[in-house]
Amino acid sequence: MGDEFYQRQPLLSEGGDELHSLDEFSPRTRNGSAVKIDIPEGDKEGNFPKERWKTVLSIIFVILAFLATTTSLSITHELRPAHSNPLPDLILDNIPYYSWALDVSEILIMVITTICAVVVICHKHRWILARRVCLIIGLLYFYRAITMIITALPSANRQYKCDPQLNHTITATEVLRRVVKIMSGFGLSINGQHVYCGDFIFSGHTMILILSYLIISEYTPKKLWLIHWSSFLMGIGGVISLMLARGHYSVDVLLAYFVTTRLWFMMHSVILNLQLQQPHSSNHLSRVWWWSILVFFEKNIKHPLPNEFEIPRPWLMCWQQVTVKHRIRDPARDI
């Protein structure tokens, strides 16, 4: 049973046309009887159930999505036109090319994702935030798995070294080997494991840069404006570096921005508005295929998450144990 409280309110006199003073009544009585209002446990502000098992499901979801994307890339590598010239691009055709810019873009990706990971891990409601992040990343990777394989484009950079294509139909064993190689390098080129080409529509680099900025700006306090601006500039710098390196066509970057931001805005509109979590006829967002998944994850979250942070308990407990052991070995410090 949830908390109980009693409401004091003015009552009509016996004649029904006058109000007694509030002070004439006890705050716990009305006409001699108590007025009790029950608040369900799930509706109390500040009650955010962790539901770790849902977070585990979201992690499985994002792993499956990444497997789908890497599998799609393994096959798309064989479908792409290997010896075709890059397609005309209004922006790429009018900016200089720098081979080192791709490394700069991926270094910025590693920095901004590290900041993003710290935000999620140190957030007081990390279990809820983690499943939100996993859900949106999973959706984006599933979308990407489809878009890259249905339209195979020639490489935007003639100088980028891709693995040679096979002279036969690719087998399941070869696809699996490629998937393991791509996943071992986290989909980045800087470590030499991303040697398969064709993953253009839409840009995964741009997707991660923009999504990381959105997470940092949404789930940290406004007073951390320096981190917000730094992540924004890293996102912009990463995209510009990607273009200078001919890592993607301009349309790949534009589509990545559009898909990532629209999906983020739609999902958080549903998260922050309980009415949009109801399947009524005026709620057109309920017709989106992932709506039911999101509502399932957010069913017991009735209020916006406060941006509060703490040291994760396992690390804190380990630090406390080390401190206690140190004091036992050196009791002179406490004198």
C-alpha atoms as a PDB file:
ATOM      1  CA  MET A   1       0.000   0.000   0.000  1.00  0.00           C
ATOM      2  CA  GLY A   2       1.321   3.405  -0.834  1.00  0.00           C
ATOM      3  CA  ASP A   3       1.714   6.481   1.375  1.00  0.00           C
ATOM      4  CA  GLU A   4      -1.363   8.056   2.903  1.00  0.00           C
ATOM      5  CA  PHE A   5      -2.156  11.686   3.500  1.00  0.00           C
ATOM      6  CA  TYR A   6      -5.220  13.601   4.593  1.00  0.00           C
ATOM      7  CA  GLN A   7      -6.581  16.591   2.744  1.00  0.00           C
ATOM      8  CA  ARG A   8      -8.054  19.600   4.552  1.00  0.00           C
ATOM      9  CA  GLN A   9     -10.772  21.390   2.614  1.00  0.00           C
ATOM     10  CA  PRO A  10     -13.683  23.759   3.321  1.00  0.00           C
ATOM     11  CA  LEU A  11     -17.070  22.151   3.857  1.00  0.00           C
ATOM     12  CA  LEU A  12     -20.594  23.438   3.313  1.00  0.00           C
ATOM     13  CA  SER A  13     -22.646  24.362   6.343  1.00  0.00           C
ATOM     14  CA  GLU A  14     -25.912  22.613   7.106  1.00  0.00           C
ATOM     15  CA  GLY A  15     -27.701  25.151   4.986  1.00  0.00           C
ATOM     16  CA  GLY A  16     -25.380  24.405   2.091  1.00  0.00           C
ATOM     17  CA  ASP A  17     -24.697  28.060   1.263  1.00  0.00           C
ATOM     18  CA  GLU A  18     -21.870  28.982   3.576  1.00  0.00           C
ATOM     19  CA  LEU A  19     -18.322  27.723   3.979  1.00  0.00           C
ATOM     20  CA  HIS A  20     -16.886  27.045   7.392  1.00  0.00           C
ATOM     21  CA  SER A  21     -13.401  28.264   8.132  1.00  0.00           C
ATOM     22  CA  LEU A  22     -10.698  25.702   7.568  1.00  0.00           C
ATOM     23  CA  ASP A  23      -9.553  26.175  11.140  1.00  0.00           C
ATOM     24  CA  GLU A  24     -12.876  24.873  12.481  1.00  0.00           C
ATOM     25  CA  PHE A  25     -12.069  21.382  11.264  1.00  0.00           C
ATOM     26  CA  SER A  26      -9.285  19.010  12.060  1.00  0.00           C
ATOM     27  CA  PRO A  27      -7.047  18.290   9.058  1.00  0.00           C
ATOM     28  CA  ARG A  28      -7.879  14.635   9.511  1.00  0.00           C
ATOM     29  CA  THR A  29     -11.663  14.901   9.819  1.00  0.00           C
ATOM     30  CA  ARG A  30     -14.600  15.774   7.682  1.00  0.00           C
ATOM     31  CA  ASN A  31     -18.018  15.776   9.361  1.00  0.00           C
ATOM     32  CA  GLY A  32     -16.453  13.715  12.091  1.00  0.00           C
ATOM     33  CA  SER A  33     -14.880  11.107   9.778  1.00  0.00           C
ATOM     34  CA  ALA A  34     -11.407  10.861   8.299  1.00  0.00           C
ATOM     35  CA  VAL A  35     -10.778  11.621   4.628  1.00  0.00           C
ATOM     36  CA  LYS A  36      -8.024   9.391   3.295  1.00  0.00           C
ATOM     37  CA  ILE A  37      -6.434   9.550  -0.135  1.00  0.00           C
ATOM     38  CA  ASP A  38      -4.245   6.660  -1.221  1.00  0.00           C
ATOM     39  CA  ILE A  39      -1.350   7.209  -3.622  1.00  0.00           C
ATOM     40  CA  PRO A  40      -0.321   4.059  -5.522  1.00  0.00           C
ATOM     41  CA  GLU A  41       3.308   3.169  -5.040  1.00  0.00           C
ATOM     42  CA  GLY A  42       4.078   3.437  -8.769  1.00  0.00           C
ATOM     43  CA  ASP A  43       2.698   6.977  -9.006  1.00  0.00           C
ATOM     44  CA  LYS A  44       4.930   8.589  -6.407  1.00  0.00           C
ATOM     45  CA  GLU A  45       7.304  11.109  -7.863  1.00  0.00           C
ATOM     46  CA  GLY A  46      10.847   9.941  -7.372  1.00  0.00           C
ATOM     47  CA  ASN A  47      10.007   6.234  -7.557  1.00  0.00           C
ATOM     48  CA  PHE A  48      11.901   4.838 -10.544  1.00  0.00           C
ATOM     49  CA  PRO A  49      12.003   1.024 -10.594  1.00  0.00           C
ATOM     50  CA  LYS A  50      15.280  -0.274 -11.996  1.00  0.00           C
ATOM     51  CA  GLU A  51      13.827  -3.371 -13.692  1.00  0.00           C
ATOM     52  CA  ARG A  52      17.239  -4.724 -14.542  1.00  0.00           C
ATOM     53  CA  TRP A  53      15.770  -7.573 -16.559  1.00  0.00           C
ATOM     54  CA  LYS A  54      14.357  -5.054 -19.040  1.00  0.00           C
ATOM     55  CA  THR A  55      17.803  -3.510 -19.397  1.00  0.00           C
ATOM     56  CA  VAL A  56      19.224  -6.969 -20.124  1.00  0.00           C
ATOM     57  CA  LEU A  57      16.592  -7.386 -22.852  1.00  0.00           C
ATOM     58  CA  SER A  58      17.571  -4.029 -24.364  1.00  0.00           C
ATOM     59  CA  ILE A  59      21.238  -5.076 -24.395  1.00  0.00           C
ATOM     60  CA  ILE A  60      20.300  -8.285 -26.224  1.00  0.00           C
ATOM     61  CA  PHE A  61      18.297  -6.144 -28.653  1.00  0.00           C
ATOM     62  CA  VAL A  62      21.254  -3.869 -29.474  1.00  0.00           C
ATOM     63  CA  ILE A  63      23.592  -6.855 -29.883  1.00  0.00           C
ATOM     64  CA  LEU A  64      21.189  -8.415 -32.386  1.00  0.00           C
ATOM     65  CA  ALA A  65      20.974  -5.095 -34.213  1.00  0.00           C
ATOM     66  CA  PHE A  66      24.757  -4.823 -34.448  1.00  0.00           C
ATOM     67  CA  LEU A  67      24.904  -8.395 -35.736  1.00  0.00           C
ATOM     68  CA  ALA A  68      22.316  -7.501 -38.369  1.00  0.00           C
ATOM     69  CA  THR A  69      24.327  -4.446 -39.455  1.00  0.00           C
ATOM     70  CA  THR A  70      27.648  -6.287 -39.694  1.00  0.00           C
ATOM     71  CA  THR A  71      25.998  -9.153 -41.567  1.00  0.00           C
ATOM     72  CA  SER A  72      24.458  -6.672 -43.980  1.00  0.00           C
ATOM     73  CA  LEU A  73      27.858  -5.034 -44.535  1.00  0.00           C
ATOM     74  CA  SER A  74      29.506  -8.414 -45.136  1.00  0.00           C
ATOM     75  CA  ILE A  75      27.064  -9.102 -47.952  1.00  0.00           C
ATOM     76  CA  THR A  76      26.956  -5.512 -49.281  1.00  0.00           C
ATOM     77  CA  HIS A  77      30.733  -5.637 -49.754  1.00  0.00           C
ATOM     78  CA  GLU A  78      30.118  -8.193 -52.523  1.00  0.00           C
ATOM     79  CA  LEU A  79      27.235  -6.269 -54.089  1.00  0.00           C
ATOM     80  CA  ARG A  80      28.917  -2.883 -54.442  1.00  0.00           C
ATOM     81  CA  PRO A  81      30.293  -1.758 -57.823  1.00  0.00           C
ATOM     82  CA  ALA A  82      34.015  -2.211 -57.144  1.00  0.00           C
ATOM     83  CA  HIS A  83      35.510  -0.427 -60.147  1.00  0.00           C
ATOM     84  CA  SER A  84      33.083   2.465 -60.530  1.00  0.00           C
ATOM     85  CA  ASN A  85      34.026   6.072 -59.989  1.00  0.00           C
ATOM     86  CA  PRO A  86      32.527   7.929 -57.011  1.00  0.00           C
ATOM     87  CA  LEU A  87      29.107   9.439 -57.600  1.00  0.00           C
ATOM     88  CA  PRO A  88      28.835  13.200 -58.191  1.00  0.00           C
ATOM     89  CA  ASP A  89      28.543  15.021 -54.864  1.00  0.00           C
ATOM     90  CA  LEU A  90      27.998  18.750 -54.619  1.00  0.00           C
ATOM     91  CA  ILE A  91      29.976  19.083 -51.373  1.00  0.00           C
ATOM     92  CA  LEU A  92      32.706  16.458 -51.785  1.00  0.00           C
ATOM     93  CA  ASP A  93      33.528  17.733 -55.267  1.00  0.00           C
ATOM     94  CA  ASN A  94      34.260  21.191 -53.890  1.00  0.00           C
ATOM     95  CA  ILE A  95      36.289  20.535 -50.751  1.00  0.00           C
ATOM     96  CA  PRO A  96      39.890  19.300 -50.379  1.00  0.00           C
ATOM     97  CA  TYR A  97      40.721  15.706 -49.472  1.00  0.00           C
ATOM     98  CA  TYR A  98      42.774  14.769 -46.404  1.00  0.00           C
ATOM     99  CA  SER A  99      43.456  11.103 -45.711  1.00  0.00           C
ATOM    100  CA  TRP A 100      44.243  11.726 -42.018  1.00  0.00           C
ATOM    101  CA  ALA A 101      40.844  13.320 -41.396  1.00  0.00           C
ATOM    102  CA  LEU A 102      39.140   9.930 -40.993  1.00  0.00           C
ATOM    103  CA  ASP A 103      41.398   9.144 -38.030  1.00  0.00           C
ATOM    104  CA  VAL A 104      40.521  12.519 -36.507  1.00  0.00           C
ATOM    105  CA  SER A 105      36.816  11.771 -36.907  1.00  0.00           C
ATOM    106  CA  GLU A 106      37.136   8.388 -35.223  1.00  0.00           C
ATOM    107  CA  ILE A 107      39.263   9.768 -32.379  1.00  0.00           C
ATOM    108  CA  LEU A 108      36.512  12.313 -31.717  1.00  0.00           C
ATOM    109  CA  ILE A 109      33.992   9.456 -31.793  1.00  0.00           C
ATOM    110  CA  MET A 110      35.968   7.566 -29.152  1.00  0.00           C
ATOM    111  CA  VAL A 111      36.226  10.652 -26.936  1.00  0.00           C
ATOM    112  CA  ILE A 112      32.552  11.633 -27.128  1.00  0.00           C
ATOM    113  CA  THR A 113      31.328   8.058 -26.644  1.00  0.00           C
ATOM    114  CA  THR A 114      33.572   7.740 -23.580  1.00  0.00           C
ATOM    115  CA  ILE A 115      31.971  10.867 -22.098  1.00  0.00           C
ATOM    116  CA  CYS A 116      28.565   9.468 -22.982  1.00  0.00           C
ATOM    117  CA  ALA A 117      29.388   6.149 -21.287  1.00  0.00           C
ATOM    118  CA  VAL A 118      30.483   7.946 -18.109  1.00  0.00           C
ATOM    119  CA  VAL A 119      27.200   9.876 -18.090  1.00  0.00           C
ATOM    120  CA  VAL A 120      25.169   6.672 -18.365  1.00  0.00           C
ATOM    121  CA  ILE A 121      27.214   4.676 -15.819  1.00  0.00           C
ATOM    122  CA  CYS A 122      27.305   7.464 -13.216  1.00  0.00           C
ATOM    123  CA  HIS A 123      23.660   8.494 -13.654  1.00  0.00           C
ATOM    124  CA  LYS A 124      21.572   7.683 -10.585  1.00  0.00           C
ATOM    125  CA  HIS A 125      18.994   5.970 -12.805  1.00  0.00           C
ATOM    126  CA  ARG A 126      21.551   4.246 -15.007  1.00  0.00           C
ATOM    127  CA  TRP A 127      19.447   1.115 -15.560  1.00  0.00           C
ATOM    128  CA  ILE A 128      16.603   3.110 -17.086  1.00  0.00           C
ATOM    129  CA  LEU A 129      18.906   5.333 -19.114  1.00  0.00           C
ATOM    130  CA  ALA A 130      20.920   2.352 -20.373  1.00  0.00           C
ATOM    131  CA  ARG A 131      17.871   0.619 -21.821  1.00  0.00           C
ATOM    132  CA  ARG A 132      16.720   3.825 -23.499  1.00  0.00           C
ATOM    133  CA  VAL A 133      20.131   4.213 -25.110  1.00  0.00           C
ATOM    134  CA  CYS A 134      20.272   0.549 -26.132  1.00  0.00           C
ATOM    135  CA  LEU A 135      16.805   0.722 -27.656  1.00  0.00           C
ATOM    136  CA  ILE A 136      17.498   3.748 -29.850  1.00  0.00           C
ATOM    137  CA  ILE A 137      20.936   2.443 -30.913  1.00  0.00           C
ATOM    138  CA  GLY A 138      19.378  -0.905 -31.752  1.00  0.00           C
ATOM    139  CA  LEU A 139      16.665   0.713 -33.855  1.00  0.00           C
ATOM    140  CA  LEU A 140      19.214   2.812 -35.735  1.00  0.00           C
ATOM    141  CA  TYR A 141      21.416  -0.190 -36.457  1.00  0.00           C
ATOM    142  CA  PHE A 142      18.451  -2.225 -37.699  1.00  0.00           C
ATOM    143  CA  TYR A 143      17.474   0.630 -40.016  1.00  0.00           C
ATOM    144  CA  ARG A 144      21.056   0.853 -41.230  1.00  0.00           C
ATOM    145  CA  ALA A 145      21.204  -2.864 -41.920  1.00  0.00           C
ATOM    146  CA  ILE A 146      18.318  -2.416 -44.343  1.00  0.00           C
ATOM    147  CA  THR A 147      19.292   0.839 -46.043  1.00  0.00           C
ATOM    148  CA  MET A 148      22.883  -0.134 -46.846  1.00  0.00           C
ATOM    149  CA  ILE A 149      22.000  -3.417 -48.545  1.00  0.00           C
ATOM    150  CA  ILE A 150      19.017  -2.327 -50.638  1.00  0.00           C
ATOM    151  CA  THR A 151      21.082   0.332 -52.456  1.00  0.00           C
ATOM    152  CA  ALA A 152      24.790  -0.441 -52.884  1.00  0.00           C
ATOM    153  CA  LEU A 153      26.855   2.614 -53.787  1.00  0.00           C
ATOM    154  CA  PRO A 154      30.410   2.841 -55.115  1.00  0.00           C
ATOM    155  CA  SER A 155      33.055   4.044 -52.697  1.00  0.00           C
ATOM    156  CA  ALA A 156      33.192   7.810 -52.138  1.00  0.00           C
ATOM    157  CA  ASN A 157      36.983   7.613 -51.769  1.00  0.00           C
ATOM    158  CA  ARG A 158      39.070   6.029 -54.518  1.00  0.00           C
ATOM    159  CA  GLN A 159      42.064   5.730 -52.189  1.00  0.00           C
ATOM    160  CA  TYR A 160      40.325   3.787 -49.424  1.00  0.00           C
ATOM    161  CA  LYS A 161      41.634   0.216 -49.372  1.00  0.00           C
ATOM    162  CA  CYS A 162      38.888  -2.378 -49.355  1.00  0.00           C
ATOM    163  CA  ASP A 163      39.335  -6.129 -49.197  1.00  0.00           C
ATOM    164  CA  PRO A 164      39.039  -7.753 -52.639  1.00  0.00           C
ATOM    165  CA  GLN A 165      35.660  -9.180 -53.542  1.00  0.00           C
ATOM    166  CA  LEU A 166      35.148 -12.921 -53.841  1.00  0.00           C
ATOM    167  CA  ASN A 167      34.879 -14.676 -57.170  1.00  0.00           C
ATOM    168  CA  HIS A 168      32.016 -16.826 -55.954  1.00  0.00           C
ATOM    169  CA  THR A 169      28.814 -16.500 -53.973  1.00  0.00           C
ATOM    170  CA  ILE A 170      29.575 -15.666 -50.389  1.00  0.00           C
ATOM    171  CA  THR A 171      28.954 -18.482 -47.902  1.00  0.00           C
ATOM    172  CA  ALA A 172      27.591 -18.356 -44.368  1.00  0.00           C
ATOM    173  CA  THR A 173      31.038 -19.213 -42.990  1.00  0.00           C
ATOM    174  CA  GLU A 174      32.640 -16.278 -44.792  1.00  0.00           C
ATOM    175  CA  VAL A 175      29.886 -13.938 -43.589  1.00  0.00           C
ATOM    176  CA  LEU A 176      30.458 -15.095 -40.005  1.00  0.00           C
ATOM    177  CA  ARG A 177      34.209 -14.564 -40.310  1.00  0.00           C
ATOM    178  CA  ARG A 178      33.661 -11.027 -41.600  1.00  0.00           C
ATOM    179  CA  VAL A 179      31.152 -10.264 -38.829  1.00  0.00           C
ATOM    180  CA  VAL A 180      33.656 -11.307 -36.159  1.00  0.00           C
ATOM    181  CA  LYS A 181      36.387  -9.175 -37.755  1.00  0.00           C
ATOM    182  CA  ILE A 182      34.170  -6.081 -37.963  1.00  0.00           C
ATOM    183  CA  MET A 183      32.899  -6.475 -34.397  1.00  0.00           C
ATOM    184  CA  SER A 184      36.431  -6.934 -33.060  1.00  0.00           C
ATOM    185  CA  GLY A 185      37.231  -3.426 -34.299  1.00  0.00           C
ATOM    186  CA  PHE A 186      33.921  -1.893 -33.103  1.00  0.00           C
ATOM    187  CA  GLY A 187      33.161  -0.852 -36.673  1.00  0.00           C
ATOM    188  CA  LEU A 188      36.035   1.665 -36.823  1.00  0.00           C
ATOM    189  CA  SER A 189      38.686   1.986 -39.515  1.00  0.00           C
ATOM    190  CA  ILE A 190      41.432   3.368 -37.278  1.00  0.00           C
ATOM    191  CA  ASN A 191      42.244  -0.093 -35.884  1.00  0.00           C
ATOM    192  CA  GLY A 192      42.511  -1.712 -39.318  1.00  0.00           C
ATOM    193  CA  GLN A 193      39.575  -4.097 -38.869  1.00  0.00           C
ATOM    194  CA  HIS A 194      37.050  -2.217 -41.031  1.00  0.00           C
ATOM    195  CA  VAL A 195      38.183  -3.314 -44.481  1.00  0.00           C
ATOM    196  CA  TYR A 196      34.780  -3.990 -46.007  1.00  0.00           C
ATOM    197  CA  CYS A 197      33.102  -1.285 -48.068  1.00  0.00           C
ATOM    198  CA  GLY A 198      29.559  -0.404 -48.979  1.00  0.00           C
ATOM    199  CA  ASP A 199      28.069   0.789 -45.690  1.00  0.00           C
ATOM    200  CA  PHE A 200      27.138   4.223 -46.974  1.00  0.00           C
ATOM    201  CA  ILE A 201      23.425   4.864 -46.508  1.00  0.00           C
ATOM    202  CA  PHE A 202      23.361   6.069 -43.854  1.00  0.00           C
ATOM    203  CA  SER A 203      26.505   7.237 -42.023  1.00  0.00           C
ATOM    204  CA  GLY A 204      27.209   5.302 -38.835  1.00  0.00           C
ATOM    205  CA  HIS A 205      29.917   7.798 -37.828  1.00  0.00           C
ATOM    206  CA  THR A 206      27.461  10.696 -38.025  1.00  0.00           C
ATOM    207  CA  MET A 207      24.800   8.672 -36.215  1.00  0.00           C
ATOM    208  CA  ILE A 208      27.060   7.983 -33.214  1.00  0.00           C
ATOM    209  CA  LEU A 209      28.378  11.549 -33.029  1.00  0.00           C
ATOM    210  CA  ILE A 210      24.899  13.084 -33.042  1.00  0.00           C
ATOM    211  CA  LEU A 211      23.397  10.500 -30.705  1.00  0.00           C
ATOM    212  CA  SER A 212      26.196  10.940 -28.174  1.00  0.00           C
ATOM    213  CA  TYR A 213      25.634  14.692 -28.126  1.00  0.00           C
ATOM    214  CA  LEU A 214      21.878  14.222 -27.659  1.00  0.00           C
ATOM    215  CA  ILE A 215      22.408  11.850 -24.724  1.00  0.00           C
ATOM    216  CA  ILE A 216      24.908  14.155 -23.012  1.00  0.00           C
ATOM    217  CA  SER A 217      22.780  17.277 -23.460  1.00  0.00           C
ATOM    218  CA  GLU A 218      19.544  15.568 -22.372  1.00  0.00           C
ATOM    219  CA  TYR A 219      20.769  13.678 -19.336  1.00  0.00           C
ATOM    220  CA  THR A 220      23.180  16.126 -17.724  1.00  0.00           C
ATOM    221  CA  PRO A 221      22.273  19.348 -15.868  1.00  0.00           C
ATOM    222  CA  LYS A 222      22.219  22.615 -17.786  1.00  0.00           C
ATOM    223  CA  LYS A 223      24.950  24.006 -15.536  1.00  0.00           C
ATOM    224  CA  LEU A 224      27.384  21.638 -17.273  1.00  0.00           C
ATOM    225  CA  TRP A 225      27.229  23.871 -20.313  1.00  0.00           C
ATOM    226  CA  LEU A 226      30.948  23.439 -20.984  1.00  0.00           C
ATOM    227  CA  ILE A 227      30.478  19.700 -21.514  1.00  0.00           C
ATOM    228  CA  HIS A 228      27.436  20.366 -23.689  1.00  0.00           C
ATOM    229  CA  TRP A 229      29.312  22.779 -25.927  1.00  0.00           C
ATOM    230  CA  SER A 230      32.384  20.548 -26.039  1.00  0.00           C
ATOM    231  CA  SER A 231      30.331  17.548 -27.151  1.00  0.00           C
ATOM    232  CA  PHE A 232      28.519  19.707 -29.702  1.00  0.00           C
ATOM    233  CA  LEU A 233      31.811  20.921 -31.175  1.00  0.00           C
ATOM    234  CA  MET A 234      33.198  17.381 -31.183  1.00  0.00           C
ATOM    235  CA  GLY A 235      30.134  16.232 -33.093  1.00  0.00           C
ATOM    236  CA  ILE A 236      30.467  18.993 -35.663  1.00  0.00           C
ATOM    237  CA  GLY A 237      34.220  18.465 -35.942  1.00  0.00           C
ATOM    238  CA  GLY A 238      33.763  14.722 -36.381  1.00  0.00           C
ATOM    239  CA  VAL A 239      31.288  15.190 -39.224  1.00  0.00           C
ATOM    240  CA  ILE A 240      33.473  17.772 -40.976  1.00  0.00           C
ATOM    241  CA  SER A 241      36.516  15.493 -40.673  1.00  0.00           C
ATOM    242  CA  LEU A 242      34.479  12.620 -42.081  1.00  0.00           C
ATOM    243  CA  MET A 243      33.569  14.690 -45.119  1.00  0.00           C
ATOM    244  CA  LEU A 244      37.165  15.849 -45.641  1.00  0.00           C
ATOM    245  CA  ALA A 245      38.261  12.207 -45.642  1.00  0.00           C
ATOM    246  CA  ARG A 246      35.567  11.219 -48.173  1.00  0.00           C
ATOM    247  CA  GLY A 247      34.317   8.701 -45.613  1.00  0.00           C
ATOM    248  CA  HIS A 248      30.703   9.154 -46.736  1.00  0.00           C
ATOM    249  CA  TYR A 249      28.662  10.919 -49.351  1.00  0.00           C
ATOM    250  CA  SER A 250      26.894  14.088 -48.280  1.00  0.00           C
ATOM    251  CA  VAL A 251      23.508  12.393 -48.526  1.00  0.00           C
ATOM    252  CA  ASP A 252      24.686   9.702 -46.061  1.00  0.00           C
ATOM    253  CA  VAL A 253      25.497  12.368 -43.493  1.00  0.00           C
ATOM    254  CA  LEU A 254      22.239  14.257 -44.098  1.00  0.00           C
ATOM    255  CA  LEU A 255      20.131  11.114 -43.769  1.00  0.00           C
ATOM    256  CA  ALA A 256      22.008  10.073 -40.611  1.00  0.00           C
ATOM    257  CA  TYR A 257      21.262  13.452 -39.032  1.00  0.00           C
ATOM    258  CA  PHE A 258      17.603  13.305 -40.035  1.00  0.00           C
ATOM    259  CA  VAL A 259      16.951   9.697 -38.961  1.00  0.00           C
ATOM    260  CA  THR A 260      18.833  10.003 -35.650  1.00  0.00           C
ATOM    261  CA  THR A 261      17.298  13.277 -34.505  1.00  0.00           C
ATOM    262  CA  ARG A 262      13.733  12.424 -35.617  1.00  0.00           C
ATOM    263  CA  LEU A 263      13.881   9.046 -33.876  1.00  0.00           C
ATOM    264  CA  TRP A 264      15.254  10.676 -30.725  1.00  0.00           C
ATOM    265  CA  PHE A 265      12.556  13.373 -30.701  1.00  0.00           C
ATOM    266  CA  MET A 266       9.756  10.880 -31.330  1.00  0.00           C
ATOM    267  CA  MET A 267      10.926   8.451 -28.666  1.00  0.00           C
ATOM    268  CA  HIS A 268      11.370  11.125 -26.001  1.00  0.00           C
ATOM    269  CA  SER A 269       8.000  12.654 -26.831  1.00  0.00           C
ATOM    270  CA  VAL A 270       6.463   9.290 -25.955  1.00  0.00           C
ATOM    271  CA  ILE A 271       8.679   8.888 -22.875  1.00  0.00           C
ATOM    272  CA  LEU A 272       7.837  12.318 -21.435  1.00  0.00           C
ATOM    273  CA  ASN A 273       4.107  12.346 -22.262  1.00  0.00           C
ATOM    274  CA  LEU A 274       2.060   9.614 -20.620  1.00  0.00           C
ATOM    275  CA  GLN A 275      -0.860  10.326 -22.961  1.00  0.00           C
ATOM    276  CA  LEU A 276       1.293   9.263 -25.903  1.00  0.00           C
ATOM    277  CA  GLN A 277       1.754   5.896 -24.214  1.00  0.00           C
ATOM    278  CA  GLN A 278      -1.949   5.151 -24.620  1.00  0.00           C
ATOM    279  CA  PRO A 279      -3.159   3.440 -27.838  1.00  0.00           C
ATOM    280  CA  HIS A 280      -6.027   5.817 -28.624  1.00  0.00           C
ATOM    281  CA  SER A 281      -7.062   6.851 -32.131  1.00  0.00           C
ATOM    282  CA  SER A 282      -5.636  10.366 -31.863  1.00  0.00           C
ATOM    283  CA  ASN A 283      -2.172   9.074 -30.970  1.00  0.00           C
ATOM    284  CA  HIS A 284      -0.569   8.504 -34.353  1.00  0.00           C
ATOM    285  CA  LEU A 285       2.771   7.632 -32.755  1.00  0.00           C
ATOM    286  CA  SER A 286       1.176   4.402 -31.549  1.00  0.00           C
ATOM    287  CA  ARG A 287       1.177   3.250 -35.181  1.00  0.00           C
ATOM    288  CA  VAL A 288       4.996   3.191 -35.329  1.00  0.00           C
ATOM    289  CA  TRP A 289       6.241  -0.384 -35.120  1.00  0.00           C
ATOM    290  CA  TRP A 290       8.644   0.247 -32.194  1.00  0.00           C
ATOM    291  CA  TRP A 291       6.043   2.099 -30.101  1.00  0.00           C
ATOM    292  CA  SER A 292       4.911  -1.042 -28.264  1.00  0.00           C
ATOM    293  CA  ILE A 293       8.515  -1.917 -27.391  1.00  0.00           C
ATOM    294  CA  LEU A 294       9.155   1.552 -25.973  1.00  0.00           C
ATOM    295  CA  VAL A 295       5.922   1.580 -23.959  1.00  0.00           C
ATOM    296  CA  PHE A 296       6.803  -1.862 -22.568  1.00  0.00           C
ATOM    297  CA  PHE A 297      10.163  -0.540 -21.339  1.00  0.00           C
ATOM    298  CA  GLU A 298       8.685   2.720 -19.969  1.00  0.00           C
ATOM    299  CA  LYS A 299       5.490   1.293 -18.460  1.00  0.00           C
ATOM    300  CA  ASN A 300       6.453   1.918 -14.828  1.00  0.00           C
ATOM    301  CA  ILE A 301       8.306   5.217 -15.337  1.00  0.00           C
ATOM    302  CA  LYS A 302       5.743   7.901 -14.524  1.00  0.00           C
ATOM    303  CA  HIS A 303       7.965  10.974 -14.201  1.00  0.00           C
ATOM    304  CA  PRO A 304      10.937  12.531 -16.045  1.00  0.00           C
ATOM    305  CA  LEU A 305      14.287  11.261 -14.815  1.00  0.00           C
ATOM    306  CA  PRO A 306      16.076  13.778 -12.583  1.00  0.00           C
ATOM    307  CA  ASN A 307      19.648  14.362 -13.699  1.00  0.00           C
ATOM    308  CA  GLU A 308      21.372  13.136 -10.564  1.00  0.00           C
ATOM    309  CA  PHE A 309      24.710  11.368 -10.417  1.00  0.00           C
ATOM    310  CA  GLU A 310      26.527   9.020  -8.077  1.00  0.00           C
ATOM    311  CA  ILE A 311      29.481   6.677  -8.005  1.00  0.00           C
ATOM    312  CA  PRO A 312      28.247   3.189  -8.989  1.00  0.00           C
ATOM    313  CA  ARG A 313      27.889   1.076  -5.841  1.00  0.00           C
ATOM    314  CA  PRO A 314      30.221  -1.806  -6.784  1.00  0.00           C
ATOM    315  CA  TRP A 315      33.080   0.671  -7.281  1.00  0.00           C
ATOM    316  CA  LEU A 316      32.124   2.610  -4.130  1.00  0.00           C
ATOM    317  CA  MET A 317      32.007  -0.567  -2.050  1.00  0.00           C
ATOM    318  CA  CYS A 318      35.419  -1.645  -3.326  1.00  0.00           C
ATOM    319  CA  TRP A 319      36.844   1.793  -2.455  1.00  0.00           C
ATOM    320  CA  GLN A 320      35.344   1.627   1.046  1.00  0.00           C
ATOM    321  CA  GLN A 321      36.798  -1.850   1.612  1.00  0.00           C
ATOM    322  CA  VAL A 322      40.247  -0.669   0.511  1.00  0.00           C
ATOM    323  CA  THR A 323      39.977   2.377   2.822  1.00  0.00           C
ATOM    324  CA  VAL A 324      38.940   0.245   5.796  1.00  0.00           C
ATOM    325  CA  LYS A 325      41.793  -2.222   5.243  1.00  0.00           C
ATOM    326  CA  HIS A 326      44.267   0.639   4.980  1.00  0.00           C
ATOM    327  CA  ARG A 327      43.090   2.144   8.269  1.00  0.00           C
ATOM    328  CA  ILE A 328      43.349  -1.246  10.011  1.00  0.00           C
ATOM    329  CA  ARG A 329      46.937  -1.650   8.819  1.00  0.00           C
ATOM    330  CA  ASP A 330      47.854   1.932   9.804  1.00  0.00           C
ATOM    331  CA  PRO A 331      45.909   2.797  13.014  1.00  0.00           C
ATOM    332  CA  ALA A 332      48.317   5.660  13.777  1.00  0.00           C
ATOM    333  CA  ARG A 333      46.604   7.783  11.166  1.00  0.00           C
ATOM    334  CA  ASP A 334      43.410   7.906  13.273  1.00  0.00           C
ATOM    335  CA  ILE A 335      45.256   9.204  16.362  1.00  0.00           C
END
